[in-house]
Amino acid sequence: MPTNFTIETVLILSLFVFLAGIIDSISGGGGLITLPAYIHSGLKLELLLGTNKLSSTLGTLVAAIKYLKELRFKKSYLFALMIIAVIGSYLGAKFISSIPASAIKYILIVLLPPIAFILSTRRNFGLSDFSSKWSNKNILLKSILIAFFISFYDGLFGPGTGAFFAIAFTSLCGYDLLKATALSKLLNFTSNISALVTFLILGRVNIKLGILMTVAGIAGNYLGASLALKKGIWVIKPMLFIVSNALLIKVIYDMIR
């Protein structure tokens, strides 16, 4: 048992991490649940982000494997996107010191309402795969740009990365939401792992608590991915809508409080 944490606290925290894993595997945005839960549990703030990364990263990997086992992509295509995601995430993390976080929040306030509008009004959004309309070269170029810029955002700020990946791959590459979500999980894992290594080196992870929560995170991600594969966009699209609006509300609340 981690120091200063009771069994009751760990069990309650595990439930929140499990629920966050389900949501994260379907649409992203699990951090909207886990970060407040960790803070409420009494985890030191300097250990917050690192411990959250430890508990969520392996869960995201499990979800990615579950998706990609069912939805086939060329390995060379996936490998190229992973490399670009690492570069984007690293540069974003390096750039964060030169730009105020409030600027990113203003950008989100501009971006999130249109996303919610598209998800609520375009009934056929992400329903079918139209990627065959474009050449493989065209798809690769668009995918590389998506992987770089959204991973850059992930390193820079973070919240909603999975949702942004899914919506971008659907809108720009023509993938259905199921394939787009599969790619988002893989790239989300790739950008997360570099951040986790950094936190571990800096000693900003409660390793015992993080390992315990990893079990709950893996279970939640596996269940969520299984549900998404079974129900398809009928569960992914509403969850993306909810997460997008929840993120918008959180950003506005953080700015005015």
C-alpha atoms as a PDB file:
ATOM      1  CA  MET A   1       0.000   0.000   0.000  1.00  0.00           C
ATOM      2  CA  PRO A   2       1.425   3.442  -0.948  1.00  0.00           C
ATOM      3  CA  THR A   3       2.507   5.589   1.997  1.00  0.00           C
ATOM      4  CA  ASN A   4      -0.182   7.940   3.387  1.00  0.00           C
ATOM      5  CA  PHE A   5      -2.978   6.290   1.379  1.00  0.00           C
ATOM      6  CA  THR A   6      -5.709   4.236   3.060  1.00  0.00           C
ATOM      7  CA  ILE A   7      -7.262   1.169   1.454  1.00  0.00           C
ATOM      8  CA  GLU A   8     -10.529   3.097   1.051  1.00  0.00           C
ATOM      9  CA  THR A   9      -8.759   5.941  -0.765  1.00  0.00           C
ATOM     10  CA  VAL A  10      -6.974   3.557  -3.108  1.00  0.00           C
ATOM     11  CA  LEU A  11     -10.191   1.667  -3.910  1.00  0.00           C
ATOM     12  CA  ILE A  12     -12.123   4.867  -4.658  1.00  0.00           C
ATOM     13  CA  LEU A  13      -9.252   6.193  -6.756  1.00  0.00           C
ATOM     14  CA  SER A  14      -9.098   2.877  -8.632  1.00  0.00           C
ATOM     15  CA  LEU A  15     -12.783   3.235  -9.530  1.00  0.00           C
ATOM     16  CA  PHE A  16     -12.211   6.707 -10.992  1.00  0.00           C
ATOM     17  CA  VAL A  17      -9.137   5.551 -12.925  1.00  0.00           C
ATOM     18  CA  PHE A  18     -11.114   2.567 -14.241  1.00  0.00           C
ATOM     19  CA  LEU A  19     -13.966   4.826 -15.431  1.00  0.00           C
ATOM     20  CA  ALA A  20     -11.447   7.252 -16.943  1.00  0.00           C
ATOM     21  CA  GLY A  21      -9.843   4.332 -18.809  1.00  0.00           C
ATOM     22  CA  ILE A  22     -13.181   3.436 -20.395  1.00  0.00           C
ATOM     23  CA  ILE A  23     -13.747   7.011 -21.532  1.00  0.00           C
ATOM     24  CA  ASP A  24     -10.150   7.519 -22.641  1.00  0.00           C
ATOM     25  CA  SER A  25     -10.139   4.395 -24.803  1.00  0.00           C
ATOM     26  CA  ILE A  26     -13.313   5.520 -26.579  1.00  0.00           C
ATOM     27  CA  SER A  27     -12.818   9.248 -27.042  1.00  0.00           C
ATOM     28  CA  GLY A  28      -9.876  10.521 -25.004  1.00  0.00           C
ATOM     29  CA  GLY A  29     -10.287  12.953 -22.135  1.00  0.00           C
ATOM     30  CA  GLY A  30      -9.734  10.534 -19.258  1.00  0.00           C
ATOM     31  CA  GLY A  31      -7.525  13.116 -17.571  1.00  0.00           C
ATOM     32  CA  LEU A  32     -10.614  15.212 -16.920  1.00  0.00           C
ATOM     33  CA  ILE A  33     -11.524  12.511 -14.388  1.00  0.00           C
ATOM     34  CA  THR A  34      -8.170  11.243 -13.105  1.00  0.00           C
ATOM     35  CA  LEU A  35      -6.427  14.552 -12.367  1.00  0.00           C
ATOM     36  CA  PRO A  36      -9.167  15.875 -10.022  1.00  0.00           C
ATOM     37  CA  ALA A  37      -9.408  12.387  -8.447  1.00  0.00           C
ATOM     38  CA  TYR A  38      -5.668  12.293  -7.712  1.00  0.00           C
ATOM     39  CA  ILE A  39      -5.785  15.807  -6.252  1.00  0.00           C
ATOM     40  CA  HIS A  40      -8.772  14.896  -4.053  1.00  0.00           C
ATOM     41  CA  SER A  41      -6.943  11.778  -2.824  1.00  0.00           C
ATOM     42  CA  GLY A  42      -4.185  13.971  -1.390  1.00  0.00           C
ATOM     43  CA  LEU A  43      -1.429  13.178  -3.899  1.00  0.00           C
ATOM     44  CA  LYS A  44       1.314  15.827  -3.840  1.00  0.00           C
ATOM     45  CA  LEU A  45       0.943  18.222  -6.766  1.00  0.00           C
ATOM     46  CA  GLU A  46       4.547  17.727  -7.897  1.00  0.00           C
ATOM     47  CA  LEU A  47       3.750  14.004  -8.347  1.00  0.00           C
ATOM     48  CA  LEU A  48       0.373  14.569 -10.002  1.00  0.00           C
ATOM     49  CA  LEU A  49       1.190  14.586 -13.719  1.00  0.00           C
ATOM     50  CA  GLY A  50       3.861  11.875 -13.515  1.00  0.00           C
ATOM     51  CA  THR A  51       1.684   9.466 -11.532  1.00  0.00           C
ATOM     52  CA  ASN A  52      -1.216  10.085 -13.896  1.00  0.00           C
ATOM     53  CA  LYS A  53       1.023   9.350 -16.888  1.00  0.00           C
ATOM     54  CA  LEU A  54       2.162   6.076 -15.313  1.00  0.00           C
ATOM     55  CA  SER A  55      -1.395   4.894 -14.664  1.00  0.00           C
ATOM     56  CA  SER A  56      -2.711   5.947 -18.076  1.00  0.00           C
ATOM     57  CA  THR A  57       0.127   5.176 -20.492  1.00  0.00           C
ATOM     58  CA  LEU A  58       0.000   1.376 -20.292  1.00  0.00           C
ATOM     59  CA  GLY A  59      -3.794   1.474 -20.388  1.00  0.00           C
ATOM     60  CA  THR A  60      -3.607   3.489 -23.610  1.00  0.00           C
ATOM     61  CA  LEU A  61      -1.189   0.901 -25.028  1.00  0.00           C
ATOM     62  CA  VAL A  62      -3.639  -1.914 -24.231  1.00  0.00           C
ATOM     63  CA  ALA A  63      -6.443  -0.012 -25.976  1.00  0.00           C
ATOM     64  CA  ALA A  64      -4.205   0.650 -28.997  1.00  0.00           C
ATOM     65  CA  ILE A  65      -3.259  -3.030 -29.293  1.00  0.00           C
ATOM     66  CA  LYS A  66      -6.909  -4.050 -28.976  1.00  0.00           C
ATOM     67  CA  TYR A  67      -7.953  -1.666 -31.761  1.00  0.00           C
ATOM     68  CA  LEU A  68      -5.054  -2.343 -34.113  1.00  0.00           C
ATOM     69  CA  LYS A  69      -5.461  -6.105 -33.762  1.00  0.00           C
ATOM     70  CA  GLU A  70      -8.935  -5.755 -35.265  1.00  0.00           C
ATOM     71  CA  LEU A  71      -8.264  -2.861 -37.674  1.00  0.00           C
ATOM     72  CA  ARG A  72      -5.360  -3.482 -40.028  1.00  0.00           C
ATOM     73  CA  PHE A  73      -2.918  -0.722 -40.968  1.00  0.00           C
ATOM     74  CA  LYS A  74       0.430  -1.026 -42.722  1.00  0.00           C
ATOM     75  CA  LYS A  75       3.223  -1.305 -40.157  1.00  0.00           C
ATOM     76  CA  SER A  76       5.402   1.149 -42.092  1.00  0.00           C
ATOM     77  CA  TYR A  77       2.578   3.720 -41.947  1.00  0.00           C
ATOM     78  CA  LEU A  78       2.140   3.292 -38.189  1.00  0.00           C
ATOM     79  CA  PHE A  79       5.887   3.417 -37.535  1.00  0.00           C
ATOM     80  CA  ALA A  80       6.265   6.660 -39.505  1.00  0.00           C
ATOM     81  CA  LEU A  81       3.459   8.317 -37.542  1.00  0.00           C
ATOM     82  CA  MET A  82       4.929   7.172 -34.222  1.00  0.00           C
ATOM     83  CA  ILE A  83       8.306   8.744 -35.060  1.00  0.00           C
ATOM     84  CA  ILE A  84       6.621  12.011 -36.036  1.00  0.00           C
ATOM     85  CA  ALA A  85       4.540  11.931 -32.833  1.00  0.00           C
ATOM     86  CA  VAL A  86       7.683  11.598 -30.698  1.00  0.00           C
ATOM     87  CA  ILE A  87       9.268  14.578 -32.459  1.00  0.00           C
ATOM     88  CA  GLY A  88       6.118  16.688 -32.168  1.00  0.00           C
ATOM     89  CA  SER A  89       5.619  15.901 -28.488  1.00  0.00           C
ATOM     90  CA  TYR A  90       9.257  16.653 -27.679  1.00  0.00           C
ATOM     91  CA  LEU A  91       9.195  20.003 -29.490  1.00  0.00           C
ATOM     92  CA  GLY A  92       5.913  20.923 -27.826  1.00  0.00           C
ATOM     93  CA  ALA A  93       7.359  20.223 -24.387  1.00  0.00           C
ATOM     94  CA  LYS A  94      10.418  22.319 -25.266  1.00  0.00           C
ATOM     95  CA  PHE A  95       8.285  25.187 -26.571  1.00  0.00           C
ATOM     96  CA  ILE A  96       5.943  25.394 -23.565  1.00  0.00           C
ATOM     97  CA  SER A  97       8.291  27.702 -21.651  1.00  0.00           C
ATOM     98  CA  SER A  98       8.109  30.365 -24.365  1.00  0.00           C
ATOM     99  CA  ILE A  99       4.321  30.675 -24.637  1.00  0.00           C
ATOM    100  CA  PRO A 100       1.792  31.426 -21.883  1.00  0.00           C
ATOM    101  CA  ALA A 101      -0.678  28.634 -21.117  1.00  0.00           C
ATOM    102  CA  SER A 102      -3.509  31.180 -21.345  1.00  0.00           C
ATOM    103  CA  ALA A 103      -2.784  31.571 -25.080  1.00  0.00           C
ATOM    104  CA  ILE A 104      -3.394  27.863 -25.618  1.00  0.00           C
ATOM    105  CA  LYS A 105      -6.624  28.087 -23.642  1.00  0.00           C
ATOM    106  CA  TYR A 106      -7.882  30.883 -25.897  1.00  0.00           C
ATOM    107  CA  ILE A 107      -7.111  28.722 -28.917  1.00  0.00           C
ATOM    108  CA  LEU A 108      -9.135  25.872 -27.389  1.00  0.00           C
ATOM    109  CA  ILE A 109     -12.083  28.196 -26.774  1.00  0.00           C
ATOM    110  CA  VAL A 110     -12.044  28.972 -30.509  1.00  0.00           C
ATOM    111  CA  LEU A 111     -11.586  25.355 -31.657  1.00  0.00           C
ATOM    112  CA  LEU A 112     -13.884  23.381 -29.351  1.00  0.00           C
ATOM    113  CA  PRO A 113     -17.319  24.907 -30.181  1.00  0.00           C
ATOM    114  CA  PRO A 114     -17.001  24.106 -33.927  1.00  0.00           C
ATOM    115  CA  ILE A 115     -15.944  20.558 -33.060  1.00  0.00           C
ATOM    116  CA  ALA A 116     -18.995  20.099 -30.830  1.00  0.00           C
ATOM    117  CA  PHE A 117     -21.185  21.623 -33.558  1.00  0.00           C
ATOM    118  CA  ILE A 118     -19.879  19.224 -36.207  1.00  0.00           C
ATOM    119  CA  LEU A 119     -20.368  16.198 -33.953  1.00  0.00           C
ATOM    120  CA  SER A 120     -23.929  17.218 -33.069  1.00  0.00           C
ATOM    121  CA  THR A 121     -25.172  18.285 -36.512  1.00  0.00           C
ATOM    122  CA  ARG A 122     -23.411  16.051 -39.037  1.00  0.00           C
ATOM    123  CA  ARG A 123     -25.176  12.756 -38.553  1.00  0.00           C
ATOM    124  CA  ASN A 124     -22.964  10.908 -41.049  1.00  0.00           C
ATOM    125  CA  PHE A 125     -19.698  12.202 -39.576  1.00  0.00           C
ATOM    126  CA  GLY A 126     -17.304   9.269 -39.203  1.00  0.00           C
ATOM    127  CA  LEU A 127     -19.945   6.749 -40.199  1.00  0.00           C
ATOM    128  CA  SER A 128     -18.118   5.427 -43.275  1.00  0.00           C
ATOM    129  CA  ASP A 129     -14.519   5.142 -44.423  1.00  0.00           C
ATOM    130  CA  PHE A 130     -13.818   7.492 -47.355  1.00  0.00           C
ATOM    131  CA  SER A 131     -10.026   7.247 -47.218  1.00  0.00           C
ATOM    132  CA  SER A 132      -9.948   5.433 -50.577  1.00  0.00           C
ATOM    133  CA  LYS A 133     -10.830   8.758 -52.243  1.00  0.00           C
ATOM    134  CA  TRP A 134      -7.207   9.841 -51.760  1.00  0.00           C
ATOM    135  CA  SER A 135      -3.921   8.272 -52.791  1.00  0.00           C
ATOM    136  CA  ASN A 136      -1.676   6.554 -50.250  1.00  0.00           C
ATOM    137  CA  LYS A 137       0.812   9.410 -50.611  1.00  0.00           C
ATOM    138  CA  ASN A 138      -1.890  11.982 -49.882  1.00  0.00           C
ATOM    139  CA  ILE A 139      -3.094  10.054 -46.824  1.00  0.00           C
ATOM    140  CA  LEU A 140       0.471   9.687 -45.540  1.00  0.00           C
ATOM    141  CA  LEU A 141       1.190  13.413 -45.894  1.00  0.00           C
ATOM    142  CA  LYS A 142      -2.008  14.395 -44.095  1.00  0.00           C
ATOM    143  CA  SER A 143      -1.398  11.804 -41.372  1.00  0.00           C
ATOM    144  CA  ILE A 144       2.153  13.060 -40.783  1.00  0.00           C
ATOM    145  CA  LEU A 145       0.871  16.628 -40.381  1.00  0.00           C
ATOM    146  CA  ILE A 146      -1.833  15.468 -37.965  1.00  0.00           C
ATOM    147  CA  ALA A 147       0.654  13.377 -35.956  1.00  0.00           C
ATOM    148  CA  PHE A 148       3.114  16.252 -35.694  1.00  0.00           C
ATOM    149  CA  PHE A 149       0.814  19.148 -34.821  1.00  0.00           C
ATOM    150  CA  ILE A 150      -1.457  17.332 -32.373  1.00  0.00           C
ATOM    151  CA  SER A 151       1.503  15.625 -30.664  1.00  0.00           C
ATOM    152  CA  PHE A 152       3.099  19.081 -30.472  1.00  0.00           C
ATOM    153  CA  TYR A 153      -0.068  20.249 -28.715  1.00  0.00           C
ATOM    154  CA  ASP A 154       0.096  17.191 -26.430  1.00  0.00           C
ATOM    155  CA  GLY A 155       3.620  18.103 -25.348  1.00  0.00           C
ATOM    156  CA  LEU A 156       2.631  21.752 -25.055  1.00  0.00           C
ATOM    157  CA  PHE A 157      -0.653  21.467 -23.138  1.00  0.00           C
ATOM    158  CA  GLY A 158      -2.345  18.057 -23.435  1.00  0.00           C
ATOM    159  CA  PRO A 159      -6.057  17.885 -22.540  1.00  0.00           C
ATOM    160  CA  GLY A 160      -8.284  16.449 -25.282  1.00  0.00           C
ATOM    161  CA  THR A 161      -5.420  15.108 -27.401  1.00  0.00           C
ATOM    162  CA  GLY A 162      -7.173  11.795 -28.122  1.00  0.00           C
ATOM    163  CA  ALA A 163     -10.349  13.552 -29.248  1.00  0.00           C
ATOM    164  CA  PHE A 164      -8.387  15.932 -31.495  1.00  0.00           C
ATOM    165  CA  PHE A 165      -6.545  13.006 -33.109  1.00  0.00           C
ATOM    166  CA  ALA A 166      -9.782  11.104 -33.808  1.00  0.00           C
ATOM    167  CA  ILE A 167     -11.595  14.099 -35.278  1.00  0.00           C
ATOM    168  CA  ALA A 168      -8.601  15.150 -37.402  1.00  0.00           C
ATOM    169  CA  PHE A 169      -8.073  11.681 -38.911  1.00  0.00           C
ATOM    170  CA  THR A 170     -11.783  11.467 -39.712  1.00  0.00           C
ATOM    171  CA  SER A 171     -12.078  14.974 -41.180  1.00  0.00           C
ATOM    172  CA  LEU A 172      -8.820  15.128 -43.153  1.00  0.00           C
ATOM    173  CA  CYS A 173      -8.047  11.511 -44.056  1.00  0.00           C
ATOM    174  CA  GLY A 174     -11.579  10.184 -44.458  1.00  0.00           C
ATOM    175  CA  TYR A 175     -11.221   7.359 -41.934  1.00  0.00           C
ATOM    176  CA  ASP A 176     -14.312   6.317 -40.040  1.00  0.00           C
ATOM    177  CA  LEU A 177     -14.310   7.177 -36.342  1.00  0.00           C
ATOM    178  CA  LEU A 178     -13.363   3.630 -35.356  1.00  0.00           C
ATOM    179  CA  LYS A 179     -10.138   3.639 -37.419  1.00  0.00           C
ATOM    180  CA  ALA A 180      -9.418   7.227 -36.396  1.00  0.00           C
ATOM    181  CA  THR A 181      -9.780   6.295 -32.734  1.00  0.00           C
ATOM    182  CA  ALA A 182      -7.418   3.346 -33.193  1.00  0.00           C
ATOM    183  CA  LEU A 183      -4.752   5.660 -34.611  1.00  0.00           C
ATOM    184  CA  SER A 184      -5.368   8.214 -31.865  1.00  0.00           C
ATOM    185  CA  LYS A 185      -4.682   5.610 -29.163  1.00  0.00           C
ATOM    186  CA  LEU A 186      -1.392   4.550 -30.748  1.00  0.00           C
ATOM    187  CA  LEU A 187      -0.151   8.115 -31.174  1.00  0.00           C
ATOM    188  CA  ASN A 188      -1.435   9.153 -27.756  1.00  0.00           C
ATOM    189  CA  PHE A 189       0.610   6.304 -26.243  1.00  0.00           C
ATOM    190  CA  THR A 190       3.683   7.336 -28.235  1.00  0.00           C
ATOM    191  CA  SER A 191       3.569  10.949 -27.069  1.00  0.00           C
ATOM    192  CA  ASN A 192       2.770   9.891 -23.483  1.00  0.00           C
ATOM    193  CA  ILE A 193       5.690   7.499 -23.117  1.00  0.00           C
ATOM    194  CA  SER A 194       8.318  10.194 -23.661  1.00  0.00           C
ATOM    195  CA  ALA A 195       6.645  12.390 -21.038  1.00  0.00           C
ATOM    196  CA  LEU A 196       6.509   9.461 -18.589  1.00  0.00           C
ATOM    197  CA  VAL A 197      10.222   8.749 -18.995  1.00  0.00           C
ATOM    198  CA  THR A 198      10.954  12.405 -18.257  1.00  0.00           C
ATOM    199  CA  PHE A 199       8.807  12.370 -15.102  1.00  0.00           C
ATOM    200  CA  LEU A 200      10.498   9.160 -13.909  1.00  0.00           C
ATOM    201  CA  ILE A 201      13.958  10.659 -14.400  1.00  0.00           C
ATOM    202  CA  LEU A 202      12.910  13.767 -12.462  1.00  0.00           C
ATOM    203  CA  GLY A 203      11.483  11.648  -9.628  1.00  0.00           C
ATOM    204  CA  ARG A 204       8.005  13.095 -10.055  1.00  0.00           C
ATOM    205  CA  VAL A 205       6.067   9.821  -9.935  1.00  0.00           C
ATOM    206  CA  ASN A 206       4.514   7.996  -6.985  1.00  0.00           C
ATOM    207  CA  ILE A 207       5.558   4.649  -8.409  1.00  0.00           C
ATOM    208  CA  LYS A 208       3.664   2.410  -5.962  1.00  0.00           C
ATOM    209  CA  LEU A 209       0.393   4.275  -6.398  1.00  0.00           C
ATOM    210  CA  GLY A 210       0.926   4.564 -10.158  1.00  0.00           C
ATOM    211  CA  ILE A 211       1.448   0.816 -10.538  1.00  0.00           C
ATOM    212  CA  LEU A 212      -1.704   0.052  -8.547  1.00  0.00           C
ATOM    213  CA  MET A 213      -3.694   2.494 -10.682  1.00  0.00           C
ATOM    214  CA  THR A 214      -2.187   1.024 -13.851  1.00  0.00           C
ATOM    215  CA  VAL A 215      -4.148  -2.176 -13.214  1.00  0.00           C
ATOM    216  CA  ALA A 216      -7.404  -0.205 -13.036  1.00  0.00           C
ATOM    217  CA  GLY A 217      -6.418   1.850 -16.094  1.00  0.00           C
ATOM    218  CA  ILE A 218      -5.651  -1.232 -18.169  1.00  0.00           C
ATOM    219  CA  ALA A 219      -8.968  -2.842 -17.202  1.00  0.00           C
ATOM    220  CA  GLY A 220     -10.904   0.304 -18.104  1.00  0.00           C
ATOM    221  CA  ASN A 221      -9.133   0.781 -21.425  1.00  0.00           C
ATOM    222  CA  TYR A 222      -9.634  -2.858 -22.407  1.00  0.00           C
ATOM    223  CA  LEU A 223     -13.345  -2.699 -21.606  1.00  0.00           C
ATOM    224  CA  GLY A 224     -13.789   0.629 -23.396  1.00  0.00           C
ATOM    225  CA  ALA A 225     -11.955  -0.513 -26.521  1.00  0.00           C
ATOM    226  CA  SER A 226     -14.018  -3.725 -26.597  1.00  0.00           C
ATOM    227  CA  LEU A 227     -17.210  -1.676 -26.306  1.00  0.00           C
ATOM    228  CA  ALA A 228     -16.128   0.688 -29.093  1.00  0.00           C
ATOM    229  CA  LEU A 229     -15.223  -2.197 -31.415  1.00  0.00           C
ATOM    230  CA  LYS A 230     -18.594  -3.793 -30.755  1.00  0.00           C
ATOM    231  CA  LYS A 231     -20.761  -0.662 -31.005  1.00  0.00           C
ATOM    232  CA  GLY A 232     -18.582   1.369 -33.394  1.00  0.00           C
ATOM    233  CA  ILE A 233     -19.249   5.069 -33.909  1.00  0.00           C
ATOM    234  CA  TRP A 234     -22.589   4.807 -32.102  1.00  0.00           C
ATOM    235  CA  VAL A 235     -20.653   4.938 -28.826  1.00  0.00           C
ATOM    236  CA  ILE A 236     -17.583   6.900 -30.019  1.00  0.00           C
ATOM    237  CA  LYS A 237     -19.385   9.919 -31.499  1.00  0.00           C
ATOM    238  CA  PRO A 238     -21.538  10.767 -28.429  1.00  0.00           C
ATOM    239  CA  MET A 239     -18.512  10.336 -26.166  1.00  0.00           C
ATOM    240  CA  LEU A 240     -16.438  12.697 -28.330  1.00  0.00           C
ATOM    241  CA  PHE A 241     -19.246  15.255 -28.092  1.00  0.00           C
ATOM    242  CA  ILE A 242     -19.387  14.949 -24.294  1.00  0.00           C
ATOM    243  CA  VAL A 243     -15.601  15.143 -23.882  1.00  0.00           C
ATOM    244  CA  SER A 244     -15.290  18.164 -26.201  1.00  0.00           C
ATOM    245  CA  ASN A 245     -17.916  20.094 -24.256  1.00  0.00           C
ATOM    246  CA  ALA A 246     -16.496  19.014 -20.885  1.00  0.00           C
ATOM    247  CA  LEU A 247     -13.050  20.238 -21.927  1.00  0.00           C
ATOM    248  CA  LEU A 248     -14.503  23.552 -23.099  1.00  0.00           C
ATOM    249  CA  ILE A 249     -16.297  24.046 -19.780  1.00  0.00           C
ATOM    250  CA  LYS A 250     -13.143  23.172 -17.828  1.00  0.00           C
ATOM    251  CA  VAL A 251     -10.980  25.590 -19.835  1.00  0.00           C
ATOM    252  CA  ILE A 252     -13.445  28.450 -19.364  1.00  0.00           C
ATOM    253  CA  TYR A 253     -13.798  27.643 -15.645  1.00  0.00           C
ATOM    254  CA  ASP A 254     -10.026  27.606 -15.157  1.00  0.00           C
ATOM    255  CA  MET A 255      -9.734  30.987 -16.840  1.00  0.00           C
ATOM    256  CA  ILE A 256     -12.431  32.804 -14.846  1.00  0.00           C
ATOM    257  CA  ARG A 257     -11.992  31.337 -11.381  1.00  0.00           C
END
